[in-house]
All heavy atoms as atom14 arrays in JSON, in Angstrom:
{
  "sequence": "IGIARALALRPKFIVADEPVSALDVSVGAQIVNLLQQL",
  "atom14_mask": [
    [1, 1, 1, 1, 1, 1, 1, 1, 0, 0, 0, 0, 0, 0],
    [1, 1, 1, 1, 0, 0, 0, 0, 0, 0, 0, 0, 0, 0],
    [1, 1, 1, 1, 1, 1, 1, 1, 0, 0, 0, 0, 0, 0],
    [1, 1, 1, 1, 1, 0, 0, 0, 0, 0, 0, 0, 0, 0],
    [1, 1, 1, 1, 1, 1, 1, 1, 1, 1, 1, 0, 0, 0],
    [1, 1, 1, 1, 1, 0, 0, 0, 0, 0, 0, 0, 0, 0],
    [1, 1, 1, 1, 1, 1, 1, 1, 0, 0, 0, 0, 0, 0],
    [1, 1, 1, 1, 1, 0, 0, 0, 0, 0, 0, 0, 0, 0],
    [1, 1, 1, 1, 1, 1, 1, 1, 0, 0, 0, 0, 0, 0],
    [1, 1, 1, 1, 1, 1, 1, 1, 1, 1, 1, 0, 0, 0],
    [1, 1, 1, 1, 1, 1, 1, 0, 0, 0, 0, 0, 0, 0],
    [1, 1, 1, 1, 1, 1, 1, 1, 1, 0, 0, 0, 0, 0],
    [1, 1, 1, 1, 1, 1, 1, 1, 1, 1, 1, 0, 0, 0],
    [1, 1, 1, 1, 1, 1, 1, 1, 0, 0, 0, 0, 0, 0],
    [1, 1, 1, 1, 1, 1, 1, 0, 0, 0, 0, 0, 0, 0],
    [1, 1, 1, 1, 1, 0, 0, 0, 0, 0, 0, 0, 0, 0],
    [1, 1, 1, 1, 1, 1, 1, 1, 0, 0, 0, 0, 0, 0],
    [1, 1, 1, 1, 1, 1, 1, 1, 1, 0, 0, 0, 0, 0],
    [1, 1, 1, 1, 1, 1, 1, 0, 0, 0, 0, 0, 0, 0],
    [1, 1, 1, 1, 1, 1, 1, 0, 0, 0, 0, 0, 0, 0],
    [1, 1, 1, 1, 1, 1, 0, 0, 0, 0, 0, 0, 0, 0],
    [1, 1, 1, 1, 1, 0, 0, 0, 0, 0, 0, 0, 0, 0],
    [1, 1, 1, 1, 1, 1, 1, 1, 0, 0, 0, 0, 0, 0],
    [1, 1, 1, 1, 1, 1, 1, 1, 0, 0, 0, 0, 0, 0],
    [1, 1, 1, 1, 1, 1, 1, 0, 0, 0, 0, 0, 0, 0],
    [1, 1, 1, 1, 1, 1, 0, 0, 0, 0, 0, 0, 0, 0],
    [1, 1, 1, 1, 1, 1, 1, 0, 0, 0, 0, 0, 0, 0],
    [1, 1, 1, 1, 0, 0, 0, 0, 0, 0, 0, 0, 0, 0],
    [1, 1, 1, 1, 1, 0, 0, 0, 0, 0, 0, 0, 0, 0],
    [1, 1, 1, 1, 1, 1, 1, 1, 1, 0, 0, 0, 0, 0],
    [1, 1, 1, 1, 1, 1, 1, 1, 0, 0, 0, 0, 0, 0],
    [1, 1, 1, 1, 1, 1, 1, 0, 0, 0, 0, 0, 0, 0],
    [1, 1, 1, 1, 1, 1, 1, 1, 0, 0, 0, 0, 0, 0],
    [1, 1, 1, 1, 1, 1, 1, 1, 0, 0, 0, 0, 0, 0],
    [1, 1, 1, 1, 1, 1, 1, 1, 0, 0, 0, 0, 0, 0],
    [1, 1, 1, 1, 1, 1, 1, 1, 1, 0, 0, 0, 0, 0],
    [1, 1, 1, 1, 1, 1, 1, 1, 1, 0, 0, 0, 0, 0],
    [1, 1, 1, 1, 1, 1, 1, 1, 0, 0, 0, 0, 0, 0]
  ],
  "atom14_positions": [
    [[-1.53, 0.12, 40.94], [-0.12, -0.15, 40.59], [0.7, -0.31, 41.87], [1.54, -1.21, 41.97], [0.43, 0.99, 39.7], [-0.27, 1.0, 38.34], [1.96, 0.85, 39.53], [-0.08, 2.28, 37.56], [0.0, 0.0, 0.0], [0.0, 0.0, 0.0], [0.0, 0.0, 0.0], [0.0, 0.0, 0.0], [0.0, 0.0, 0.0], [0.0, 0.0, 0.0]],
    [[0.46, 0.57, 42.84], [1.16, 0.45, 44.14], [0.85, -0.86, 44.82], [1.73, -1.47, 45.45], [0.0, 0.0, 0.0], [0.0, 0.0, 0.0], [0.0, 0.0, 0.0], [0.0, 0.0, 0.0], [0.0, 0.0, 0.0], [0.0, 0.0, 0.0], [0.0, 0.0, 0.0], [0.0, 0.0, 0.0], [0.0, 0.0, 0.0], [0.0, 0.0, 0.0]],
    [[-0.38, -1.32, 44.73], [-0.76, -2.6, 45.34], [-0.05, -3.75, 44.61], [0.46, -4.67, 45.26], [-2.29, -2.78, 45.31], [-2.96, -1.76, 46.23], [-2.69, -4.21, 45.7], [-4.46, -1.68, 46.07], [0.0, 0.0, 0.0], [0.0, 0.0, 0.0], [0.0, 0.0, 0.0], [0.0, 0.0, 0.0], [0.0, 0.0, 0.0], [0.0, 0.0, 0.0]],
    [[0.01, -3.68, 43.26], [0.73, -4.7, 42.52], [2.2, -4.78, 42.93], [2.76, -5.85, 43.08], [0.61, -4.43, 41.02], [0.0, 0.0, 0.0], [0.0, 0.0, 0.0], [0.0, 0.0, 0.0], [0.0, 0.0, 0.0], [0.0, 0.0, 0.0], [0.0, 0.0, 0.0], [0.0, 0.0, 0.0], [0.0, 0.0, 0.0], [0.0, 0.0, 0.0]],
    [[2.8, -3.62, 43.13], [4.21, -3.58, 43.59], [4.35, -4.23, 44.97], [5.3, -4.98, 45.22], [4.7, -2.11, 43.64], [6.14, -1.97, 44.17], [6.55, -0.51, 44.2], [5.66, 0.29, 45.03], [5.71, 1.61, 45.14], [6.61, 2.26, 44.45], [4.87, 2.27, 45.92], [0.0, 0.0, 0.0], [0.0, 0.0, 0.0], [0.0, 0.0, 0.0]],
    [[3.4, -3.94, 45.86], [3.44, -4.54, 47.22], [3.31, -6.03, 47.17], [3.85, -6.75, 48.05], [2.36, -3.93, 48.1], [0.0, 0.0, 0.0], [0.0, 0.0, 0.0], [0.0, 0.0, 0.0], [0.0, 0.0, 0.0], [0.0, 0.0, 0.0], [0.0, 0.0, 0.0], [0.0, 0.0, 0.0], [0.0, 0.0, 0.0], [0.0, 0.0, 0.0]],
    [[2.65, -6.58, 46.14], [2.43, -8.01, 46.05], [3.56, -8.76, 45.33], [3.55, -9.98, 45.28], [1.11, -8.28, 45.3], [-0.2, -7.9, 46.0], [-1.34, -8.08, 45.05], [-0.39, -8.74, 47.24], [0.0, 0.0, 0.0], [0.0, 0.0, 0.0], [0.0, 0.0, 0.0], [0.0, 0.0, 0.0], [0.0, 0.0, 0.0], [0.0, 0.0, 0.0]],
    [[4.51, -8.0, 44.74], [5.51, -8.59, 43.85], [6.25, -9.75, 44.5], [6.55, -10.75, 43.86], [6.45, -7.51, 43.34], [0.0, 0.0, 0.0], [0.0, 0.0, 0.0], [0.0, 0.0, 0.0], [0.0, 0.0, 0.0], [0.0, 0.0, 0.0], [0.0, 0.0, 0.0], [0.0, 0.0, 0.0], [0.0, 0.0, 0.0], [0.0, 0.0, 0.0]],
    [[6.62, -9.61, 45.79], [7.41, -10.63, 46.46], [6.55, -11.67, 47.19], [7.06, -12.47, 47.95], [8.37, -9.95, 47.44], [9.46, -9.11, 46.81], [10.17, -8.25, 47.84], [10.45, -9.98, 46.05], [0.0, 0.0, 0.0], [0.0, 0.0, 0.0], [0.0, 0.0, 0.0], [0.0, 0.0, 0.0], [0.0, 0.0, 0.0], [0.0, 0.0, 0.0]],
    [[5.23, -11.58, 46.95], [4.28, -12.51, 47.55], [4.39, -12.52, 49.07], [4.66, -13.57, 49.7], [4.46, -13.91, 46.97], [4.18, -13.93, 45.47], [4.33, -15.26, 44.83], [3.94, -15.19, 43.41], [4.12, -16.17, 42.52], [4.68, -17.3, 42.9], [3.77, -16.01, 41.27], [0.0, 0.0, 0.0], [0.0, 0.0, 0.0], [0.0, 0.0, 0.0]],
    [[4.16, -11.33, 49.67], [4.3, -11.23, 51.13], [3.19, -11.94, 51.87], [2.13, -12.27, 51.3], [4.24, -9.7, 51.34], [3.33, -9.24, 50.25], [3.72, -10.1, 49.06], [0.0, 0.0, 0.0], [0.0, 0.0, 0.0], [0.0, 0.0, 0.0], [0.0, 0.0, 0.0], [0.0, 0.0, 0.0], [0.0, 0.0, 0.0], [0.0, 0.0, 0.0]],
    [[3.4, -12.12, 53.16], [2.36, -12.69, 54.02], [1.57, -11.58, 54.74], [0.4, -11.78, 55.06], [2.99, -13.58, 55.08], [3.69, -14.82, 54.53], [4.25, -15.67, 55.66], [4.83, -16.99, 55.16], [5.97, -16.8, 54.26], [0.0, 0.0, 0.0], [0.0, 0.0, 0.0], [0.0, 0.0, 0.0], [0.0, 0.0, 0.0], [0.0, 0.0, 0.0]],
    [[2.23, -10.44, 54.96], [1.63, -9.39, 55.78], [1.8, -8.05, 55.05], [2.87, -7.72, 54.54], [2.34, -9.34, 57.14], [1.95, -8.19, 58.02], [0.65, -8.08, 58.48], [2.88, -7.23, 58.39], [0.29, -7.0, 59.3], [2.53, -6.18, 59.21], [1.22, -6.05, 59.67], [0.0, 0.0, 0.0], [0.0, 0.0, 0.0], [0.0, 0.0, 0.0]],
    [[0.69, -7.26, 55.03], [0.7, -5.94, 54.4], [0.1, -4.94, 55.38], [-0.97, -5.15, 55.92], [-0.07, -5.96, 53.07], [0.68, -6.75, 52.01], [-0.3, -4.52, 52.59], [0.0, -6.81, 50.65], [0.0, 0.0, 0.0], [0.0, 0.0, 0.0], [0.0, 0.0, 0.0], [0.0, 0.0, 0.0], [0.0, 0.0, 0.0], [0.0, 0.0, 0.0]],
    [[0.81, -3.8, 55.54], [0.25, -2.65, 56.19], [-0.35, -1.76, 55.11], [0.37, -1.28, 54.24], [1.3, -1.9, 57.01], [0.74, -0.59, 57.53], [1.81, -2.74, 58.17], [0.0, 0.0, 0.0], [0.0, 0.0, 0.0], [0.0, 0.0, 0.0], [0.0, 0.0, 0.0], [0.0, 0.0, 0.0], [0.0, 0.0, 0.0], [0.0, 0.0, 0.0]],
    [[-1.65, -1.55, 55.17], [-2.35, -0.65, 54.22], [-2.62, 0.64, 55.0], [-3.49, 0.71, 55.85], [-3.64, -1.29, 53.76], [0.0, 0.0, 0.0], [0.0, 0.0, 0.0], [0.0, 0.0, 0.0], [0.0, 0.0, 0.0], [0.0, 0.0, 0.0], [0.0, 0.0, 0.0], [0.0, 0.0, 0.0], [0.0, 0.0, 0.0], [0.0, 0.0, 0.0]],
    [[-1.79, 1.67, 54.71], [-1.78, 2.89, 55.47], [-2.7, 3.95, 54.82], [-2.26, 4.65, 53.89], [-0.38, 3.42, 55.63], [-0.3, 4.6, 56.58], [-1.33, 4.94, 57.23], [0.78, 5.22, 56.69], [0.0, 0.0, 0.0], [0.0, 0.0, 0.0], [0.0, 0.0, 0.0], [0.0, 0.0, 0.0], [0.0, 0.0, 0.0], [0.0, 0.0, 0.0]],
    [[-3.91, 4.04, 55.23], [-4.89, 4.97, 54.68], [-4.96, 4.85, 53.15], [-4.86, 5.86, 52.45], [-4.57, 6.4, 55.09], [-4.62, 6.67, 56.57], [-5.97, 7.17, 57.06], [-6.95, 7.03, 56.28], [-6.03, 7.66, 58.18], [0.0, 0.0, 0.0], [0.0, 0.0, 0.0], [0.0, 0.0, 0.0], [0.0, 0.0, 0.0], [0.0, 0.0, 0.0]],
    [[-5.12, 3.67, 52.6], [-4.95, 3.51, 51.14], [-6.08, 4.1, 50.3], [-5.92, 4.2, 49.07], [-4.91, 1.97, 50.97], [-5.73, 1.46, 52.1], [-5.43, 2.38, 53.25], [0.0, 0.0, 0.0], [0.0, 0.0, 0.0], [0.0, 0.0, 0.0], [0.0, 0.0, 0.0], [0.0, 0.0, 0.0], [0.0, 0.0, 0.0], [0.0, 0.0, 0.0]],
    [[-7.19, 4.5, 50.91], [-8.3, 5.08, 50.1], [-8.61, 6.52, 50.5], [-9.51, 7.11, 49.93], [-9.56, 4.22, 50.23], [-9.29, 2.81, 49.72], [-10.1, 4.17, 51.65], [0.0, 0.0, 0.0], [0.0, 0.0, 0.0], [0.0, 0.0, 0.0], [0.0, 0.0, 0.0], [0.0, 0.0, 0.0], [0.0, 0.0, 0.0], [0.0, 0.0, 0.0]],
    [[-7.87, 7.1, 51.45], [-8.23, 8.42, 51.95], [-7.99, 9.53, 50.91], [-8.63, 10.59, 51.01], [-7.48, 8.75, 53.23], [-6.1, 8.83, 52.99], [0.0, 0.0, 0.0], [0.0, 0.0, 0.0], [0.0, 0.0, 0.0], [0.0, 0.0, 0.0], [0.0, 0.0, 0.0], [0.0, 0.0, 0.0], [0.0, 0.0, 0.0], [0.0, 0.0, 0.0]],
    [[-7.09, 9.29, 49.95], [-6.82, 10.3, 48.93], [-7.7, 10.1, 47.68], [-7.56, 10.86, 46.69], [-5.35, 10.25, 48.51], [0.0, 0.0, 0.0], [0.0, 0.0, 0.0], [0.0, 0.0, 0.0], [0.0, 0.0, 0.0], [0.0, 0.0, 0.0], [0.0, 0.0, 0.0], [0.0, 0.0, 0.0], [0.0, 0.0, 0.0], [0.0, 0.0, 0.0]],
    [[-8.62, 9.15, 47.73], [-9.47, 8.85, 46.56], [-10.89, 9.23, 46.84], [-11.34, 9.31, 48.01], [-9.39, 7.34, 46.29], [-8.0, 6.72, 46.1], [-8.11, 5.21, 45.99], [-7.29, 7.33, 44.91], [0.0, 0.0, 0.0], [0.0, 0.0, 0.0], [0.0, 0.0, 0.0], [0.0, 0.0, 0.0], [0.0, 0.0, 0.0], [0.0, 0.0, 0.0]],
    [[-11.67, 9.45, 45.76], [-13.09, 9.76, 46.01], [-13.8, 8.46, 46.47], [-13.26, 7.38, 46.38], [-13.77, 10.39, 44.8], [-13.84, 9.47, 43.58], [-14.14, 8.27, 43.75], [-13.62, 9.95, 42.49], [0.0, 0.0, 0.0], [0.0, 0.0, 0.0], [0.0, 0.0, 0.0], [0.0, 0.0, 0.0], [0.0, 0.0, 0.0], [0.0, 0.0, 0.0]],
    [[-15.03, 8.63, 46.96], [-15.7, 7.52, 47.65], [-15.89, 6.31, 46.75], [-15.61, 5.16, 47.16], [-17.04, 8.01, 48.21], [-17.86, 6.81, 48.76], [-16.82, 9.04, 49.31], [0.0, 0.0, 0.0], [0.0, 0.0, 0.0], [0.0, 0.0, 0.0], [0.0, 0.0, 0.0], [0.0, 0.0, 0.0], [0.0, 0.0, 0.0], [0.0, 0.0, 0.0]],
    [[-16.32, 6.53, 45.52], [-16.61, 5.38, 44.63], [-15.34, 4.65, 44.27], [-15.32, 3.38, 44.24], [-17.34, 5.85, 43.38], [-16.55, 6.75, 42.64], [0.0, 0.0, 0.0], [0.0, 0.0, 0.0], [0.0, 0.0, 0.0], [0.0, 0.0, 0.0], [0.0, 0.0, 0.0], [0.0, 0.0, 0.0], [0.0, 0.0, 0.0], [0.0, 0.0, 0.0]],
    [[-14.26, 5.37, 43.97], [-13.0, 4.72, 43.67], [-12.4, 4.02, 44.88], [-11.88, 2.9, 44.8], [-12.0, 5.75, 43.07], [-10.61, 5.11, 42.85], [-12.52, 6.33, 41.75], [0.0, 0.0, 0.0], [0.0, 0.0, 0.0], [0.0, 0.0, 0.0], [0.0, 0.0, 0.0], [0.0, 0.0, 0.0], [0.0, 0.0, 0.0], [0.0, 0.0, 0.0]],
    [[-12.54, 4.67, 46.03], [-12.07, 4.07, 47.27], [-12.77, 2.74, 47.56], [-12.15, 1.79, 48.0], [0.0, 0.0, 0.0], [0.0, 0.0, 0.0], [0.0, 0.0, 0.0], [0.0, 0.0, 0.0], [0.0, 0.0, 0.0], [0.0, 0.0, 0.0], [0.0, 0.0, 0.0], [0.0, 0.0, 0.0], [0.0, 0.0, 0.0], [0.0, 0.0, 0.0]],
    [[-14.07, 2.71, 47.28], [-14.86, 1.49, 47.49], [-14.34, 0.36, 46.58], [-14.26, -0.81, 47.01], [-16.33, 1.73, 47.22], [0.0, 0.0, 0.0], [0.0, 0.0, 0.0], [0.0, 0.0, 0.0], [0.0, 0.0, 0.0], [0.0, 0.0, 0.0], [0.0, 0.0, 0.0], [0.0, 0.0, 0.0], [0.0, 0.0, 0.0], [0.0, 0.0, 0.0]],
    [[-13.97, 0.7, 45.36], [-13.42, -0.31, 44.46], [-12.09, -0.86, 44.98], [-11.84, -2.07, 44.89], [-13.21, 0.3, 43.06], [-14.47, 0.68, 42.35], [-14.22, 1.49, 41.09], [-13.12, 1.53, 40.56], [-15.24, 2.18, 40.61], [0.0, 0.0, 0.0], [0.0, 0.0, 0.0], [0.0, 0.0, 0.0], [0.0, 0.0, 0.0], [0.0, 0.0, 0.0]],
    [[-11.25, 0.02, 45.53], [-9.96, -0.43, 46.07], [-10.16, -1.32, 47.3], [-9.48, -2.34, 47.48], [-9.09, 0.8, 46.43], [-8.71, 1.58, 45.16], [-7.81, 0.35, 47.15], [-7.92, 0.8, 44.11], [0.0, 0.0, 0.0], [0.0, 0.0, 0.0], [0.0, 0.0, 0.0], [0.0, 0.0, 0.0], [0.0, 0.0, 0.0], [0.0, 0.0, 0.0]],
    [[-11.13, -0.97, 48.18], [-11.42, -1.79, 49.33], [-11.85, -3.18, 48.92], [-11.42, -4.2, 49.48], [-12.48, -1.1, 50.21], [-13.04, -2.08, 51.25], [-11.88, 0.1, 50.92], [0.0, 0.0, 0.0], [0.0, 0.0, 0.0], [0.0, 0.0, 0.0], [0.0, 0.0, 0.0], [0.0, 0.0, 0.0], [0.0, 0.0, 0.0], [0.0, 0.0, 0.0]],
    [[-12.71, -3.25, 47.92], [-13.17, -4.57, 47.45], [-12.04, -5.32, 46.79], [-11.97, -6.57, 46.91], [-14.35, -4.39, 46.47], [-15.63, -4.07, 47.21], [-15.98, -4.71, 48.2], [-16.35, -3.07, 46.74], [0.0, 0.0, 0.0], [0.0, 0.0, 0.0], [0.0, 0.0, 0.0], [0.0, 0.0, 0.0], [0.0, 0.0, 0.0], [0.0, 0.0, 0.0]],
    [[-11.14, -4.63, 46.08], [-9.97, -5.29, 45.53], [-9.11, -5.87, 46.61], [-8.62, -7.02, 46.51], [-9.17, -4.27, 44.69], [-7.81, -4.78, 44.15], [-7.98, -5.94, 43.19], [-7.04, -3.63, 43.51], [0.0, 0.0, 0.0], [0.0, 0.0, 0.0], [0.0, 0.0, 0.0], [0.0, 0.0, 0.0], [0.0, 0.0, 0.0], [0.0, 0.0, 0.0]],
    [[-8.89, -5.14, 47.71], [-8.07, -5.65, 48.81], [-8.69, -6.91, 49.43], [-7.98, -7.85, 49.77], [-7.89, -4.56, 49.87], [-7.02, -3.38, 49.5], [-7.11, -2.29, 50.57], [-5.58, -3.81, 49.28], [0.0, 0.0, 0.0], [0.0, 0.0, 0.0], [0.0, 0.0, 0.0], [0.0, 0.0, 0.0], [0.0, 0.0, 0.0], [0.0, 0.0, 0.0]],
    [[-10.01, -6.94, 49.51], [-10.68, -8.15, 50.01], [-10.42, -9.33, 49.08], [-10.11, -10.44, 49.54], [-12.18, -7.9, 50.11], [-12.64, -7.21, 51.37], [-14.14, -7.28, 51.51], [-14.88, -7.19, 50.54], [-14.62, -7.4, 52.74], [0.0, 0.0, 0.0], [0.0, 0.0, 0.0], [0.0, 0.0, 0.0], [0.0, 0.0, 0.0], [0.0, 0.0, 0.0]],
    [[-10.55, -9.11, 47.78], [-10.35, -10.19, 46.81], [-8.89, -10.68, 46.85], [-8.63, -11.89, 46.83], [-10.68, -9.7, 45.4], [-10.53, -10.78, 44.31], [-11.48, -11.94, 44.58], [-12.67, -11.76, 44.78], [-10.96, -13.16, 44.53], [0.0, 0.0, 0.0], [0.0, 0.0, 0.0], [0.0, 0.0, 0.0], [0.0, 0.0, 0.0], [0.0, 0.0, 0.0]],
    [[-7.95, -9.77, 46.94], [-6.54, -10.14, 46.98], [-6.2, -10.9, 48.25], [-5.37, -11.82, 48.23], [-5.65, -8.9, 46.86], [-5.72, -8.17, 45.51], [-4.96, -6.84, 45.59], [-5.15, -9.03, 44.38], [0.0, 0.0, 0.0], [0.0, 0.0, 0.0], [0.0, 0.0, 0.0], [0.0, 0.0, 0.0], [0.0, 0.0, 0.0], [0.0, 0.0, 0.0]]
  ]
}
Protein backbone atom coordinates (compact mmCIF):
# COMPACT_ATOMS: atom_id res chain seq x y z
CA ILE A 1 0.00 0.00 0.00
CA GLY A 2 2.87 2.36 0.83
CA ILE A 3 4.49 1.59 -2.51
CA ALA A 4 1.21 2.29 -4.31
CA ARG A 5 1.02 5.66 -2.55
CA ALA A 6 4.61 6.45 -3.60
CA LEU A 7 3.69 5.70 -7.23
CA ALA A 8 0.50 7.81 -7.25
CA LEU A 9 2.12 10.86 -8.87
CA ARG A 10 4.14 8.73 -11.30
CA PRO A 11 7.54 9.84 -10.00
CA LYS A 12 10.85 9.39 -11.77
CA PHE A 13 12.94 8.79 -8.64
CA ILE A 14 12.21 6.83 -5.45
CA VAL A 15 14.25 6.49 -2.29
CA ALA A 16 13.47 3.06 -0.81
CA ASP A 17 14.66 3.39 2.79
CA GLU A 18 15.16 -0.12 4.24
CA PRO A 19 11.79 -1.20 2.76
CA VAL A 20 12.14 -4.88 3.69
CA SER A 21 14.02 -4.76 7.00
CA ALA A 22 10.81 -4.90 9.08
CA LEU A 23 9.49 -7.92 7.14
CA ASP A 24 10.34 -11.59 7.36
CA VAL A 25 12.66 -12.99 4.70
CA SER A 26 10.05 -14.55 2.41
CA VAL A 27 7.79 -11.49 2.42
CA GLY A 28 10.78 -9.20 1.97
CA ALA A 29 11.84 -11.22 -1.08
CA GLN A 30 8.38 -10.71 -2.60
CA ILE A 31 8.65 -6.94 -2.05
CA VAL A 32 12.12 -6.84 -3.63
CA ASN A 33 10.82 -8.65 -6.70
CA LEU A 34 7.83 -6.30 -6.83
CA LEU A 35 10.18 -3.30 -6.83
CA GLN A 36 12.09 -4.81 -9.75
CA GLN A 37 8.88 -5.30 -11.71
CA LEU A 38 7.65 -1.77 -10.97
